[in-house]
Protein backbone atom coordinates (compact mmCIF):
# COMPACT_ATOMS: atom_id res chain seq x y z
CA MET A 1 0.00 0.00 0.00
CA SER A 2 1.17 3.53 -0.66
CA GLU A 3 0.85 4.51 2.98
CA GLY A 4 3.09 1.65 4.13
CA SER A 5 2.53 -1.47 6.18
CA VAL A 6 1.64 -1.88 9.83
CA HIS A 7 4.33 -3.97 11.55
CA VAL A 8 2.91 -5.89 14.50
CA VAL A 9 5.52 -7.08 17.01
CA ASP A 10 4.34 -9.42 19.80
CA ASP A 11 5.57 -12.71 21.22
CA ASP A 12 1.96 -13.83 21.78
CA ALA A 13 0.71 -15.51 18.59
CA ALA A 14 -2.93 -14.98 19.55
CA VAL A 15 -2.41 -11.22 19.93
CA ARG A 16 -0.46 -11.04 16.66
CA ASP A 17 -3.13 -12.91 14.74
CA SER A 18 -5.95 -10.91 16.31
CA LEU A 19 -4.32 -7.57 15.50
CA ALA A 20 -3.46 -8.70 11.97
CA PHE A 21 -7.07 -9.74 11.36
CA LEU A 22 -8.38 -6.45 12.76
CA LEU A 23 -6.06 -4.30 10.65
CA LYS A 24 -6.59 -6.32 7.48
CA SER A 25 -10.35 -5.98 7.96
CA ALA A 26 -9.72 -2.21 7.86
CA ARG A 27 -7.90 -2.71 4.53
CA LEU A 28 -4.48 -2.04 5.99
CA SER A 29 -1.36 -3.91 4.92
CA VAL A 30 0.08 -5.92 7.84
CA ARG A 31 3.28 -7.79 8.64
CA THR A 32 3.79 -9.68 11.90
CA TYR A 33 6.89 -10.57 13.95
CA ASP A 34 7.23 -12.86 16.95
CA SER A 35 10.03 -10.82 18.55
CA GLY A 36 11.69 -7.44 18.54
CA THR A 37 14.84 -9.05 17.17
CA ALA A 38 12.96 -10.43 14.17
CA PHE A 39 11.54 -6.99 13.43
CA LEU A 40 14.94 -5.28 13.71
CA GLU A 41 16.18 -7.38 10.79
CA THR A 42 13.60 -5.63 8.61
CA LEU A 43 13.85 -2.15 10.13
CA PRO A 44 16.74 -0.75 8.02
CA SER A 45 14.81 -1.38 4.79
CA LEU A 46 11.58 0.31 5.90
CA LYS A 47 10.74 3.64 4.30
CA SER A 48 7.20 4.10 5.60
CA GLY A 49 4.48 2.54 7.73
CA CYS A 50 4.15 2.20 11.49
CA VAL A 51 4.94 -0.25 14.29
CA ILE A 52 2.64 -1.73 16.93
CA SER A 53 4.63 -3.39 19.70
CA ASP A 54 3.82 -5.03 23.01
CA ILE A 55 5.79 -3.39 25.82
CA ARG A 56 6.60 -6.64 27.64
CA MET A 57 8.40 -9.24 25.53
CA PRO A 58 11.19 -11.69 26.34
CA GLY A 59 14.59 -10.62 25.08
CA LEU A 60 14.11 -7.23 23.44
CA SER A 61 11.33 -5.35 25.27
CA GLY A 62 8.97 -2.86 23.67
CA ILE A 63 10.93 -0.02 25.28
CA ASP A 64 14.19 -1.35 23.84
CA LEU A 65 12.56 -1.76 20.45
CA LEU A 66 11.24 1.79 20.57
CA LYS A 67 14.74 3.11 21.32
CA ARG A 68 16.18 1.21 18.37
CA VAL A 69 13.48 2.48 16.03
CA ARG A 70 14.06 6.08 17.11
CA GLU A 71 17.80 5.66 16.52
CA THR A 72 17.40 3.97 13.12
CA ASN A 73 14.32 5.64 11.62
CA ALA A 74 12.95 8.47 13.73
CA ARG A 75 10.09 9.05 11.26
CA LEU A 76 8.62 5.56 11.76
CA PRO A 77 5.80 5.97 14.33
CA VAL A 78 5.51 3.38 17.11
CA ILE A 79 2.31 2.48 18.95
CA ILE A 80 2.88 0.68 22.24
CA ILE A 81 0.50 -1.88 23.76
CA THR A 82 0.68 -2.21 27.53
CA GLY A 83 -0.83 -4.60 30.05
CA HIS A 84 -2.85 -3.59 33.09
CA GLY A 85 -0.69 -1.68 35.56
CA ASP A 86 1.99 -0.76 33.01
CA VAL A 87 1.10 2.93 32.88
CA PRO A 88 4.54 4.03 34.21
CA LEU A 89 6.14 2.09 31.34
CA ALA A 90 3.70 3.70 28.92
CA VAL A 91 4.69 7.15 30.18
CA GLU A 92 8.34 6.24 29.68
CA ALA A 93 7.53 5.09 26.14
CA MET A 94 5.79 8.38 25.35
CA LYS A 95 8.79 10.31 26.63
CA LEU A 96 10.98 8.22 24.33
CA GLY A 97 8.87 9.17 21.32
CA ALA A 98 6.05 6.63 21.10
CA ALA A 99 3.22 7.98 18.96
CA GLU A 100 0.50 6.41 21.09
CA PHE A 101 -0.12 3.71 23.69
CA PHE A 102 -3.04 1.41 24.37
CA GLU A 103 -3.78 -0.50 27.54
CA LYS A 104 -5.21 -4.01 27.09
CA PRO A 105 -7.97 -4.64 26.36
CA PHE A 106 -8.32 -1.83 23.80
CA GLN A 107 -11.23 -0.85 21.58
CA ASP A 108 -10.82 -2.07 18.00
CA ASP A 109 -12.12 1.14 16.42
CA GLN A 110 -9.77 3.25 18.55
CA MET A 111 -6.76 1.19 17.48
CA ILE A 112 -7.71 1.46 13.80
CA ALA A 113 -8.22 5.21 14.13
CA ALA A 114 -4.84 5.62 15.84
CA VAL A 115 -3.07 3.59 13.15
CA ARG A 116 -4.66 5.64 10.37
CA ASN A 117 -3.72 8.88 12.14
CA VAL A 118 -0.06 7.99 12.62
CA LEU A 119 0.21 6.71 9.05
CA GLU A 120 -1.29 9.95 7.74
CA ASP A 121 1.04 12.04 9.91
CA ALA A 122 4.05 10.01 8.78
CA LYS A 123 3.01 10.38 5.13
CA SER A 124 2.74 14.15 5.55
CA VAL A 125 6.25 14.29 7.02
CA THR A 126 7.56 12.15 4.16
CA GLU A 127 6.00 14.49 1.58
CA VAL A 128 7.58 17.52 3.29
CA ASP A 129 10.96 15.78 3.26
CA ARG A 130 10.55 14.92 -0.42
CA HIS A 131 9.70 18.54 -1.26
CA LYS A 132 12.72 19.73 0.71
CA GLN A 133 14.97 17.31 -1.18
CA GLU A 134 13.58 18.49 -4.52
CA LEU A 135 14.31 22.12 -3.61
CA GLN A 136 17.81 21.22 -2.44
CA GLN A 137 18.41 19.49 -5.77
CA ARG A 138 17.33 22.65 -7.59
CA LEU A 139 19.63 24.74 -5.38
CA ALA A 140 22.52 22.47 -6.31
CA LEU A 141 22.03 23.48 -9.96
CA LEU A 142 22.74 27.15 -9.17
CA SER A 143 26.17 28.55 -9.95
CA LYS A 144 28.16 30.18 -7.15
CA ARG A 145 27.20 33.66 -8.37
CA GLU A 146 23.53 32.68 -8.64
CA SER A 147 23.69 31.33 -5.07
CA ASP A 148 25.27 34.60 -3.91
CA VAL A 149 22.49 36.59 -5.55
CA LEU A 150 19.88 34.28 -4.02
CA ARG A 151 21.28 34.90 -0.53
CA GLY A 152 21.15 38.62 -1.18
CA LEU A 153 17.51 38.36 -2.25
CA ILE A 154 16.66 36.31 0.83
CA ALA A 155 18.29 38.95 2.99
CA GLY A 156 15.96 41.51 1.41
CA SER A 157 18.71 43.45 -0.34
CA PRO A 158 17.80 45.43 -3.48
CA ASN A 159 19.65 44.70 -6.72
CA LYS A 160 21.95 47.71 -6.31
CA ILE A 161 23.15 46.57 -2.88
CA ILE A 162 23.66 43.00 -4.11
CA ALA A 163 25.60 44.36 -7.08
CA PHE A 164 27.76 46.49 -4.77
CA ASP A 165 28.44 43.59 -2.39
CA LEU A 166 29.37 41.23 -5.22
CA GLN A 167 31.19 43.94 -7.22
CA ILE A 168 29.13 43.34 -10.34
CA SER A 169 26.67 45.54 -12.24
CA PRO A 170 22.97 45.80 -11.32
CA ARG A 171 22.17 44.52 -14.82
CA THR A 172 24.25 41.39 -14.16
CA VAL A 173 22.38 40.89 -10.88
CA GLU A 174 19.10 41.03 -12.83
CA ILE A 175 20.35 38.31 -15.17
CA TYR A 176 21.45 36.10 -12.28
CA ARG A 177 18.15 36.77 -10.51
CA ALA A 178 16.19 35.68 -13.59
CA ASN A 179 18.33 32.53 -13.81
CA VAL A 180 17.64 31.74 -10.15
CA MET A 181 13.89 32.18 -10.61
CA THR A 182 13.95 29.88 -13.64
CA LYS A 183 16.10 27.15 -12.09
CA MET A 184 14.11 27.19 -8.84
CA ASN A 185 10.83 27.33 -10.78
CA ALA A 186 9.67 30.23 -8.62
CA ALA A 187 6.88 32.50 -9.87
CA SER A 188 7.63 35.34 -7.46
CA LEU A 189 10.21 36.58 -4.97
CA SER A 190 7.99 35.58 -2.05
CA GLU A 191 7.75 32.03 -3.41
CA LEU A 192 11.52 31.96 -3.83
CA VAL A 193 11.99 33.00 -0.20
CA ARG A 194 9.56 30.27 0.97
CA MET A 195 11.52 27.73 -1.06
CA ALA A 196 14.77 28.85 0.53
CA ILE A 197 13.25 28.54 4.01
CA ILE A 198 11.98 25.01 3.30
CA ALA A 199 15.33 24.01 1.83
CA GLY A 200 17.04 25.26 4.98
CA ILE A 201 19.23 28.04 3.61
CA ALA A 202 17.23 31.00 4.94
């Protein structure tokens, strides 16, 4: 699916199967793992999706798994499932970056809603990152002089000041400015400034 798979990590086969059935009934793509270690083998290749993990598992716990996910792919949201009385662990998980936690037994519709929300949020972040990368690629096409003129424009300097600072003529600045607008595919100066901010150079 375009929005990515839901990766269910739980040592309890009954819980794994139940969650997989629930999520598939909501037309979500699901993969299951019987341990945190098994999931970590897949983690480096994941570009999108989300993780649902039990907090108490033998070997690698849900907290440990969450830490590894945050270190490896901070944009991959993790939903933690806790047992009765594990609220302190759930709080710790939230502090470590868990997107959500559910105490057993949870409501099916609430779990589905939470999964859809975190997938949508993750997709939005991915789209922003993609746009930023596209703008950075356009910036890389600018010559050094065009980049210098761009920085002057971002700073709000008029053509004459940019020309003085770069020791070139105002007419030459206009040419470079036109080149920058074309290469960045910007329709206006304000759009160019927004692009620069998104790309991280302003």
